[in-house]
Amino acid sequence: MSRKLLIVVLLLVSGFCNAQKRKPHPSQHNAPITSYKELGAKLPPINFYRRDGVSIRNEDITGRNLVIMLFNPTCDHCEKQAILFEQNMAAFLHTDLLLVAASGMGPYLGYFVNNIHADNYPKIQIALDSSDYINQTFRYESLPQINIYDAKRKLIKVFTGNAPIDSISRYLQ
């Protein structure tokens, strides 16, 4: 009896050791996690809401390039960058320009819009993020963060902090 038990234990241990060496079946592989922060990454699904309640989704963006500025409406640096955009609208003729704040920043948008006179520039769309875009793309280095996507919606450049227009315009078509 103990001989049979010993054989069973050895077979189980042998099977366990071999199982550790086996490669997992392809169906057991997890899909790779995409980092939307890396250059070349595809634009994640977006769902932004403008102050007037209109939603902006991936299919609503029609420009050749896309500039998304992550900002805080109470941030002076963000305000200065938005004013720089406003003063150089000619650089964005064929580009969609979205300024996106976190969903909790809604009460502060009016102040920001009034300070930069955004209502005078229909090309500048200011919205709140309701799709976790900010958490997926923000590098936590500095505000504002400017993400530039090409016509295929691949991330081609990220600026953290204020960026001069001549640096940004190199990536616009």
N, C-alpha and C. Protein backbone atom coordinates (compact mmCIF):
# COMPACT_ATOMS: atom_id res chain seq x y z
N MET A 1 0.82 -1.19 0.00
CA MET A 1 0.00 0.00 0.00
C MET A 1 0.87 1.26 0.00
N SER A 2 1.89 1.30 0.85
CA SER A 2 2.76 2.48 0.91
C SER A 2 3.55 2.63 -0.39
N ARG A 3 3.80 1.51 -1.06
CA ARG A 3 4.50 1.57 -2.33
C ARG A 3 3.64 2.26 -3.38
N LYS A 4 2.35 1.94 -3.41
CA LYS A 4 1.42 2.57 -4.35
C LYS A 4 1.28 4.07 -4.04
N LEU A 5 1.21 4.38 -2.79
CA LEU A 5 1.09 5.78 -2.38
C LEU A 5 2.34 6.57 -2.79
N LEU A 6 3.51 5.99 -2.63
CA LEU A 6 4.75 6.63 -3.03
C LEU A 6 4.78 6.87 -4.54
N ILE A 7 4.32 5.92 -5.31
CA ILE A 7 4.29 6.06 -6.77
C ILE A 7 3.34 7.19 -7.17
N VAL A 8 2.18 7.25 -6.54
CA VAL A 8 1.20 8.30 -6.84
C VAL A 8 1.78 9.68 -6.51
N VAL A 9 2.43 9.81 -5.37
CA VAL A 9 3.03 11.08 -4.96
C VAL A 9 4.11 11.49 -5.95
N LEU A 10 4.96 10.56 -6.36
CA LEU A 10 6.02 10.87 -7.32
C LEU A 10 5.44 11.30 -8.67
N LEU A 11 4.39 10.65 -9.10
CA LEU A 11 3.74 11.04 -10.36
C LEU A 11 3.14 12.44 -10.27
N LEU A 12 2.52 12.73 -9.15
CA LEU A 12 1.94 14.07 -8.97
C LEU A 12 3.01 15.15 -8.95
N VAL A 13 4.11 14.90 -8.22
CA VAL A 13 5.20 15.86 -8.15
C VAL A 13 5.82 16.03 -9.53
N SER A 14 6.02 14.95 -10.25
CA SER A 14 6.59 15.00 -11.59
C SER A 14 5.67 15.80 -12.52
N GLY A 15 4.39 15.55 -12.45
CA GLY A 15 3.42 16.29 -13.27
C GLY A 15 3.40 17.77 -12.93
N PHE A 16 3.51 18.09 -11.65
CA PHE A 16 3.52 19.49 -11.23
C PHE A 16 4.76 20.20 -11.76
N CYS A 17 5.92 19.53 -11.69
CA CYS A 17 7.16 20.14 -12.18
C CYS A 17 7.10 20.36 -13.68
N ASN A 18 6.56 19.42 -14.41
CA ASN A 18 6.44 19.57 -15.86
C ASN A 18 5.43 20.66 -16.22
N ALA A 19 4.40 20.78 -15.44
CA ALA A 19 3.40 21.82 -15.70
C ALA A 19 4.02 23.20 -15.54
N GLN A 20 4.98 23.34 -14.65
CA GLN A 20 5.63 24.62 -14.45
C GLN A 20 6.47 25.00 -15.67
N LYS A 21 6.98 24.01 -16.42
CA LYS A 21 7.84 24.27 -17.56
C LYS A 21 7.04 24.50 -18.84
N ARG A 22 5.81 24.07 -18.89
CA ARG A 22 5.01 24.19 -20.11
C ARG A 22 4.69 25.64 -20.40
N LYS A 23 4.64 25.94 -21.70
CA LYS A 23 4.22 27.27 -22.13
C LYS A 23 2.70 27.33 -22.04
N PRO A 24 2.17 28.47 -21.66
CA PRO A 24 0.71 28.55 -21.59
C PRO A 24 0.09 28.48 -22.99
N HIS A 25 -1.09 27.97 -23.04
CA HIS A 25 -1.85 27.90 -24.29
C HIS A 25 -2.10 29.33 -24.77
N PRO A 26 -2.08 29.58 -26.10
CA PRO A 26 -2.29 30.94 -26.60
C PRO A 26 -3.56 31.60 -26.07
N SER A 27 -4.58 30.82 -25.79
CA SER A 27 -5.82 31.40 -25.28
C SER A 27 -5.66 31.90 -23.85
N GLN A 28 -4.57 31.51 -23.18
CA GLN A 28 -4.35 31.94 -21.80
C GLN A 28 -3.55 33.24 -21.71
N HIS A 29 -3.02 33.72 -22.84
CA HIS A 29 -2.27 34.97 -22.82
C HIS A 29 -3.23 36.14 -22.64
N ASN A 30 -2.84 37.07 -21.81
CA ASN A 30 -3.62 38.29 -21.66
C ASN A 30 -3.25 39.23 -22.79
N ALA A 31 -4.19 40.01 -23.25
CA ALA A 31 -3.92 41.00 -24.28
C ALA A 31 -2.96 42.05 -23.71
N PRO A 32 -2.04 42.53 -24.53
CA PRO A 32 -1.11 43.54 -24.01
C PRO A 32 -1.85 44.81 -23.61
N ILE A 33 -1.39 45.40 -22.54
CA ILE A 33 -1.98 46.65 -22.07
C ILE A 33 -1.39 47.80 -22.88
N THR A 34 -2.25 48.62 -23.42
CA THR A 34 -1.81 49.76 -24.22
C THR A 34 -1.57 50.95 -23.32
N SER A 35 -0.42 51.57 -23.50
CA SER A 35 -0.14 52.81 -22.80
C SER A 35 -0.44 53.94 -23.77
N TYR A 36 -1.40 54.76 -23.43
CA TYR A 36 -1.77 55.88 -24.27
C TYR A 36 -0.84 57.07 -24.08
N LYS A 37 0.18 56.90 -23.24
CA LYS A 37 1.13 57.98 -22.97
C LYS A 37 2.34 57.94 -23.89
N GLU A 38 2.53 56.84 -24.57
CA GLU A 38 3.71 56.64 -25.40
C GLU A 38 3.50 57.18 -26.81
N LEU A 39 4.55 57.75 -27.40
CA LEU A 39 4.46 58.20 -28.77
C LEU A 39 4.09 57.03 -29.66
N GLY A 40 3.22 57.28 -30.61
CA GLY A 40 2.74 56.23 -31.50
C GLY A 40 1.45 55.57 -31.01
N ALA A 41 1.06 55.86 -29.77
CA ALA A 41 -0.16 55.27 -29.22
C ALA A 41 -1.37 55.85 -29.93
N LYS A 42 -2.37 55.02 -30.06
CA LYS A 42 -3.62 55.45 -30.68
C LYS A 42 -4.44 56.27 -29.68
N LEU A 43 -5.20 57.22 -30.19
CA LEU A 43 -6.09 58.02 -29.34
C LEU A 43 -7.09 57.09 -28.67
N PRO A 44 -7.17 57.11 -27.35
CA PRO A 44 -8.16 56.25 -26.68
C PRO A 44 -9.57 56.74 -26.96
N PRO A 45 -10.56 55.92 -26.68
CA PRO A 45 -11.94 56.40 -26.83
C PRO A 45 -12.15 57.62 -25.93
N ILE A 46 -12.72 58.66 -26.52
CA ILE A 46 -12.96 59.88 -25.74
C ILE A 46 -14.44 60.17 -25.66
N ASN A 47 -14.80 60.84 -24.60
CA ASN A 47 -16.15 61.34 -24.40
C ASN A 47 -16.02 62.60 -23.55
N PHE A 48 -15.96 63.73 -24.24
CA PHE A 48 -15.83 65.02 -23.58
C PHE A 48 -17.17 65.74 -23.68
N TYR A 49 -17.43 66.62 -22.72
CA TYR A 49 -18.65 67.43 -22.75
C TYR A 49 -18.29 68.90 -22.67
N ARG A 50 -18.78 69.64 -23.68
CA ARG A 50 -18.60 71.09 -23.67
C ARG A 50 -19.54 71.69 -22.63
N ARG A 51 -19.34 72.98 -22.37
CA ARG A 51 -20.18 73.67 -21.37
C ARG A 51 -21.66 73.67 -21.77
N ASP A 52 -21.93 73.63 -23.06
CA ASP A 52 -23.31 73.64 -23.52
C ASP A 52 -23.94 72.25 -23.53
N GLY A 53 -23.21 71.24 -23.02
CA GLY A 53 -23.74 69.89 -22.91
C GLY A 53 -23.51 69.02 -24.13
N VAL A 54 -22.97 69.58 -25.20
CA VAL A 54 -22.71 68.80 -26.41
C VAL A 54 -21.51 67.89 -26.17
N SER A 55 -21.65 66.63 -26.57
CA SER A 55 -20.55 65.69 -26.36
C SER A 55 -19.61 65.70 -27.56
N ILE A 56 -18.37 65.38 -27.30
CA ILE A 56 -17.35 65.25 -28.33
C ILE A 56 -16.78 63.84 -28.20
N ARG A 57 -16.90 63.08 -29.26
CA ARG A 57 -16.39 61.71 -29.29
C ARG A 57 -15.38 61.58 -30.42
N ASN A 58 -14.71 60.46 -30.50
CA ASN A 58 -13.69 60.26 -31.52
C ASN A 58 -14.21 60.58 -32.92
N GLU A 59 -15.41 60.13 -33.23
CA GLU A 59 -15.95 60.33 -34.58
C GLU A 59 -16.33 61.78 -34.87
N ASP A 60 -16.36 62.63 -33.86
CA ASP A 60 -16.72 64.04 -34.05
C ASP A 60 -15.52 64.90 -34.43
N ILE A 61 -14.34 64.35 -34.37
CA ILE A 61 -13.12 65.11 -34.63
C ILE A 61 -12.74 64.93 -36.09
N THR A 62 -12.70 66.03 -36.84
CA THR A 62 -12.56 65.92 -38.29
C THR A 62 -11.29 66.54 -38.84
N GLY A 63 -10.54 67.26 -38.07
CA GLY A 63 -9.34 67.93 -38.58
C GLY A 63 -8.25 66.97 -38.97
N ARG A 64 -7.28 67.49 -39.71
CA ARG A 64 -6.14 66.65 -40.10
C ARG A 64 -5.33 66.22 -38.88
N ASN A 65 -5.11 67.16 -38.01
CA ASN A 65 -4.40 66.86 -36.77
C ASN A 65 -5.31 67.22 -35.60
N LEU A 66 -4.92 66.78 -34.44
CA LEU A 66 -5.70 67.04 -33.23
C LEU A 66 -4.75 67.45 -32.12
N VAL A 67 -5.06 68.57 -31.51
CA VAL A 67 -4.31 69.03 -30.34
C VAL A 67 -5.26 69.00 -29.16
N ILE A 68 -4.86 68.24 -28.14
CA ILE A 68 -5.64 68.18 -26.90
C ILE A 68 -4.75 68.72 -25.78
N MET A 69 -5.22 69.79 -25.16
CA MET A 69 -4.48 70.36 -24.04
C MET A 69 -5.21 69.98 -22.75
N LEU A 70 -4.51 69.27 -21.89
CA LEU A 70 -5.04 68.95 -20.56
C LEU A 70 -4.74 70.14 -19.67
N PHE A 71 -5.75 70.64 -19.00
CA PHE A 71 -5.55 71.86 -18.23
C PHE A 71 -6.40 71.88 -16.98
N ASN A 72 -6.05 72.82 -16.12
CA ASN A 72 -6.83 73.12 -14.94
C ASN A 72 -7.31 74.56 -15.11
N PRO A 73 -8.62 74.82 -15.04
CA PRO A 73 -9.12 76.17 -15.28
C PRO A 73 -8.61 77.23 -14.31
N THR A 74 -8.03 76.82 -13.20
CA THR A 74 -7.52 77.80 -12.23
C THR A 74 -6.00 77.97 -12.34
N CYS A 75 -5.39 77.36 -13.34
CA CYS A 75 -3.94 77.37 -13.52
C CYS A 75 -3.51 78.53 -14.42
N ASP A 76 -2.63 79.38 -13.91
CA ASP A 76 -2.13 80.52 -14.69
C ASP A 76 -1.37 80.08 -15.94
N HIS A 77 -0.55 79.03 -15.81
CA HIS A 77 0.21 78.53 -16.96
C HIS A 77 -0.73 78.05 -18.06
N CYS A 78 -1.80 77.39 -17.67
CA CYS A 78 -2.78 76.89 -18.63
C CYS A 78 -3.47 78.06 -19.33
N GLU A 79 -3.79 79.08 -18.56
CA GLU A 79 -4.43 80.27 -19.13
C GLU A 79 -3.50 80.95 -20.14
N LYS A 80 -2.22 81.06 -19.81
CA LYS A 80 -1.27 81.68 -20.72
C LYS A 80 -1.11 80.87 -22.01
N GLN A 81 -1.12 79.54 -21.89
CA GLN A 81 -1.01 78.70 -23.08
C GLN A 81 -2.25 78.86 -23.96
N ALA A 82 -3.41 78.90 -23.35
CA ALA A 82 -4.65 79.08 -24.11
C ALA A 82 -4.67 80.43 -24.82
N ILE A 83 -4.18 81.47 -24.16
CA ILE A 83 -4.11 82.79 -24.78
C ILE A 83 -3.13 82.77 -25.95
N LEU A 84 -2.04 82.03 -25.81
CA LEU A 84 -1.09 81.88 -26.91
C LEU A 84 -1.75 81.19 -28.10
N PHE A 85 -2.55 80.18 -27.85
CA PHE A 85 -3.31 79.53 -28.93
C PHE A 85 -4.22 80.56 -29.60
N GLU A 86 -4.92 81.30 -28.78
CA GLU A 86 -5.86 82.31 -29.25
C GLU A 86 -5.17 83.34 -30.14
N GLN A 87 -3.98 83.76 -29.77
CA GLN A 87 -3.24 84.76 -30.53
C GLN A 87 -2.64 84.20 -31.82
N ASN A 88 -2.62 82.89 -31.95
CA ASN A 88 -2.00 82.24 -33.11
C ASN A 88 -2.94 81.25 -33.78
N MET A 89 -4.20 81.63 -33.90
CA MET A 89 -5.20 80.72 -34.47
C MET A 89 -4.87 80.30 -35.90
N ALA A 90 -4.12 81.09 -36.63
CA ALA A 90 -3.75 80.73 -38.01
C ALA A 90 -2.98 79.41 -38.06
N ALA A 91 -2.27 79.08 -37.01
CA ALA A 91 -1.51 77.83 -36.97
C ALA A 91 -2.42 76.61 -36.87
N PHE A 92 -3.67 76.82 -36.51
CA PHE A 92 -4.60 75.71 -36.28
C PHE A 92 -5.69 75.60 -37.34
N LEU A 93 -5.44 76.13 -38.53
CA LEU A 93 -6.46 76.13 -39.58
C LEU A 93 -6.97 74.72 -39.91
N HIS A 94 -6.09 73.75 -39.94
CA HIS A 94 -6.46 72.39 -40.31
C HIS A 94 -6.31 71.43 -39.13
N THR A 95 -6.54 71.95 -37.95
CA THR A 95 -6.34 71.18 -36.73
C THR A 95 -7.50 71.42 -35.77
N ASP A 96 -7.97 70.35 -35.17
CA ASP A 96 -8.96 70.50 -34.10
C ASP A 96 -8.21 70.80 -32.81
N LEU A 97 -8.74 71.73 -32.05
CA LEU A 97 -8.09 72.18 -30.82
C LEU A 97 -9.06 72.00 -29.66
N LEU A 98 -8.74 71.07 -28.78
CA LEU A 98 -9.59 70.77 -27.62
C LEU A 98 -8.81 71.04 -26.34
N LEU A 99 -9.43 71.80 -25.46
CA LEU A 99 -8.87 72.03 -24.13
C LEU A 99 -9.74 71.23 -23.18
N VAL A 100 -9.15 70.28 -22.47
CA VAL A 100 -9.92 69.34 -21.67
C VAL A 100 -9.50 69.42 -20.20
N ALA A 101 -10.49 69.60 -19.35
CA ALA A 101 -10.29 69.64 -17.90
C ALA A 101 -10.95 68.41 -17.27
N ALA A 102 -10.55 68.10 -16.06
CA ALA A 102 -11.15 66.98 -15.32
C ALA A 102 -12.62 67.27 -15.06
N SER A 103 -13.40 66.23 -14.93
CA SER A 103 -14.85 66.38 -14.79
C SER A 103 -15.26 67.24 -13.60
N GLY A 104 -14.49 67.26 -12.54
CA GLY A 104 -14.83 68.05 -11.36
C GLY A 104 -14.55 69.54 -11.50
N MET A 105 -13.99 69.94 -12.62
CA MET A 105 -13.61 71.34 -12.82
C MET A 105 -14.71 72.18 -13.47
N GLY A 106 -15.88 71.62 -13.66
CA GLY A 106 -16.99 72.32 -14.30
C GLY A 106 -17.30 73.69 -13.74
N PRO A 107 -17.35 73.85 -12.41
CA PRO A 107 -17.68 75.16 -11.86
C PRO A 107 -16.67 76.26 -12.20
N TYR A 108 -15.47 75.89 -12.61
CA TYR A 108 -14.43 76.88 -12.89
C TYR A 108 -14.27 77.21 -14.37
N LEU A 109 -14.99 76.48 -15.23
CA LEU A 109 -14.82 76.70 -16.67
C LEU A 109 -15.24 78.09 -17.11
N GLY A 110 -16.32 78.61 -16.56
CA GLY A 110 -16.80 79.93 -16.96
C GLY A 110 -15.74 81.00 -16.75
N TYR A 111 -15.09 80.97 -15.63
CA TYR A 111 -14.02 81.92 -15.32
C TYR A 111 -12.90 81.81 -16.35
N PHE A 112 -12.50 80.59 -16.66
CA PHE A 112 -11.43 80.36 -17.63
C PHE A 112 -11.82 80.86 -19.02
N VAL A 113 -13.02 80.50 -19.45
CA VAL A 113 -13.51 80.90 -20.78
C VAL A 113 -13.56 82.42 -20.89
N ASN A 114 -14.01 83.09 -19.85
CA ASN A 114 -14.07 84.57 -19.87
C ASN A 114 -12.68 85.18 -19.92
N ASN A 115 -11.73 84.61 -19.21
CA ASN A 115 -10.37 85.17 -19.18
C ASN A 115 -9.65 85.04 -20.50
N ILE A 116 -9.89 83.95 -21.21
CA ILE A 116 -9.18 83.77 -22.48
C ILE A 116 -10.03 84.17 -23.68
N HIS A 117 -11.26 84.59 -23.43
CA HIS A 117 -12.18 85.03 -24.50
C HIS A 117 -12.43 83.90 -25.50
N ALA A 118 -12.56 82.69 -25.02
CA ALA A 118 -12.72 81.52 -25.89
C ALA A 118 -13.98 81.58 -26.74
N ASP A 119 -15.00 82.25 -26.27
CA ASP A 119 -16.23 82.33 -27.05
C ASP A 119 -16.01 83.07 -28.37
N ASN A 120 -14.95 83.86 -28.47
CA ASN A 120 -14.63 84.57 -29.71
C ASN A 120 -13.91 83.68 -30.72
N TYR A 121 -13.54 82.47 -30.31
CA TYR A 121 -12.76 81.57 -31.15
C TYR A 121 -13.44 80.20 -31.21
N PRO A 122 -14.33 80.01 -32.19
CA PRO A 122 -15.05 78.73 -32.26
C PRO A 122 -14.14 77.53 -32.50
N LYS A 123 -12.94 77.76 -32.99
CA LYS A 123 -11.99 76.68 -33.23
C LYS A 123 -11.53 76.05 -31.90
N ILE A 124 -11.55 76.84 -30.82
CA ILE A 124 -11.15 76.33 -29.51
C ILE A 124 -12.38 75.74 -28.83
N GLN A 125 -12.33 74.44 -28.57
CA GLN A 125 -13.42 73.80 -27.85
C GLN A 125 -12.92 73.46 -26.44
N ILE A 126 -13.67 73.89 -25.46
CA ILE A 126 -13.31 73.64 -24.07
C ILE A 126 -14.31 72.65 -23.51
N ALA A 127 -13.79 71.60 -22.90
CA ALA A 127 -14.67 70.52 -22.48
C ALA A 127 -14.18 69.88 -21.19
N LEU A 128 -15.07 69.07 -20.62
CA LEU A 128 -14.76 68.26 -19.44
C LEU A 128 -14.63 66.80 -19.86
N ASP A 129 -13.71 66.11 -19.24
CA ASP A 129 -13.45 64.70 -19.55
C ASP A 129 -14.41 63.81 -18.77
N SER A 130 -15.13 62.97 -19.47
CA SER A 130 -15.96 61.98 -18.78
C SER A 130 -15.62 60.57 -19.24
N SER A 131 -14.45 60.42 -19.86
CA SER A 131 -14.06 59.11 -20.40
C SER A 131 -12.75 58.59 -19.84
N ASP A 132 -12.23 59.23 -18.81
CA ASP A 132 -10.97 58.83 -18.19
C ASP A 132 -9.76 59.09 -19.09
N TYR A 133 -9.94 59.96 -20.08
CA TYR A 133 -8.85 60.30 -20.99
C TYR A 133 -7.67 60.88 -20.21
N ILE A 134 -7.95 61.79 -19.30
CA ILE A 134 -6.87 62.45 -18.55
C ILE A 134 -6.05 61.42 -17.77
N ASN A 135 -6.72 60.53 -17.06
CA ASN A 135 -5.98 59.52 -16.29
C ASN A 135 -5.16 58.60 -17.18
N GLN A 136 -5.64 58.36 -18.39
CA GLN A 136 -4.93 57.45 -19.30
C GLN A 136 -3.75 58.12 -20.00
N THR A 137 -3.77 59.45 -20.12
CA THR A 137 -2.75 60.12 -20.94
C THR A 137 -1.87 61.10 -20.18
N PHE A 138 -2.29 61.57 -19.02
CA PHE A 138 -1.52 62.58 -18.30
C PHE A 138 -0.26 61.97 -17.72
N ARG A 139 0.86 62.61 -17.94
CA ARG A 139 2.16 62.10 -17.49
C ARG A 139 2.54 62.59 -16.10
N TYR A 140 1.73 63.43 -15.50
CA TYR A 140 1.97 63.95 -14.15
C TYR A 140 3.34 64.62 -14.04
N GLU A 141 3.67 65.41 -15.06
CA GLU A 141 4.90 66.19 -15.04
C GLU A 141 4.60 67.66 -14.80
N SER A 142 3.71 68.22 -15.61
CA SER A 142 3.43 69.64 -15.51
C SER A 142 2.15 69.96 -16.27
N LEU A 143 1.49 71.02 -15.85
CA LEU A 143 0.33 71.52 -16.59
C LEU A 143 0.73 72.81 -17.28
N PRO A 144 0.19 73.08 -18.43
CA PRO A 144 -0.67 72.20 -19.21
C PRO A 144 0.14 71.09 -19.87
N GLN A 145 -0.55 70.05 -20.29
CA GLN A 145 0.07 69.01 -21.11
C GLN A 145 -0.63 69.07 -22.46
N ILE A 146 0.16 69.12 -23.51
CA ILE A 146 -0.38 69.23 -24.86
C ILE A 146 -0.04 67.95 -25.62
N ASN A 147 -1.08 67.21 -26.01
CA ASN A 147 -0.93 65.99 -26.80
C ASN A 147 -1.30 66.31 -28.24
N ILE A 148 -0.43 65.95 -29.17
CA ILE A 148 -0.70 66.19 -30.59
C ILE A 148 -0.83 64.84 -31.30
N TYR A 149 -1.95 64.68 -32.00
CA TYR A 149 -2.23 63.46 -32.75
C TYR A 149 -2.25 63.79 -34.24
N ASP A 150 -1.78 62.84 -35.04
CA ASP A 150 -1.82 63.05 -36.49
C ASP A 150 -3.19 62.66 -37.04
N ALA A 151 -3.33 62.67 -38.35
CA ALA A 151 -4.62 62.39 -38.99
C ALA A 151 -5.10 60.96 -38.72
N LYS A 152 -4.18 60.05 -38.45
CA LYS A 152 -4.56 58.67 -38.14
C LYS A 152 -4.80 58.48 -36.65
N ARG A 153 -4.78 59.57 -35.91
CA ARG A 153 -5.02 59.61 -34.45
C ARG A 153 -3.96 58.83 -33.67
N LYS A 154 -2.72 58.96 -34.13
CA LYS A 154 -1.57 58.43 -33.40
C LYS A 154 -0.88 59.59 -32.70
N LEU A 155 -0.48 59.37 -31.47
CA LEU A 155 0.21 60.40 -30.69
C LEU A 155 1.58 60.65 -31.28
N ILE A 156 1.83 61.90 -31.72
CA ILE A 156 3.11 62.20 -32.35
C ILE A 156 3.99 63.12 -31.50
N LYS A 157 3.40 63.83 -30.54
CA LYS A 157 4.21 64.70 -29.68
C LYS A 157 3.46 65.03 -28.41
N VAL A 158 4.19 65.14 -27.32
CA VAL A 158 3.64 65.57 -26.03
C VAL A 158 4.52 66.69 -25.50
N PHE A 159 3.88 67.80 -25.16
CA PHE A 159 4.57 68.90 -24.48
C PHE A 159 4.02 68.97 -23.06
N THR A 160 4.89 69.10 -22.09
CA THR A 160 4.45 69.32 -20.72
C THR A 160 4.91 70.70 -20.31
N GLY A 161 4.01 71.46 -19.74
CA GLY A 161 4.30 72.86 -19.45
C GLY A 161 4.00 73.69 -20.68
N ASN A 162 4.25 74.97 -20.57
CA ASN A 162 3.98 75.86 -21.69
C ASN A 162 4.91 75.55 -22.86
N ALA A 163 4.35 75.64 -24.07
CA ALA A 163 5.12 75.35 -25.28
C ALA A 163 4.94 76.49 -26.28
N PRO A 164 6.03 76.93 -26.90
CA PRO A 164 5.92 77.98 -27.91
C PRO A 164 5.18 77.49 -29.15
N ILE A 165 4.51 78.40 -29.81
CA ILE A 165 3.72 78.04 -31.00
C ILE A 165 4.60 77.47 -32.09
N ASP A 166 5.80 78.00 -32.28
CA ASP A 166 6.65 77.48 -33.34
C ASP A 166 7.03 76.01 -33.09
N SER A 167 7.14 75.60 -31.83
CA SER A 167 7.42 74.20 -31.51
C SER A 167 6.19 73.34 -31.80
N ILE A 168 5.02 73.83 -31.46
CA ILE A 168 3.79 73.08 -31.69
C ILE A 168 3.47 73.00 -33.18
N SER A 169 3.63 74.11 -33.90
CA SER A 169 3.23 74.16 -35.30
C SER A 169 4.01 73.22 -36.19
N ARG A 170 5.19 72.78 -35.76
CA ARG A 170 5.95 71.79 -36.52
C ARG A 170 5.18 70.49 -36.70
N TYR A 171 4.27 70.22 -35.79
CA TYR A 171 3.54 68.96 -35.80
C TYR A 171 2.13 69.10 -36.40
N LEU A 172 1.82 70.27 -36.91
CA LEU A 172 0.50 70.53 -37.47
C LEU A 172 0.60 70.57 -39.00
N GLN A 173 -0.45 70.11 -39.65
CA GLN A 173 -0.47 70.14 -41.13
C GLN A 173 -1.58 71.02 -41.60
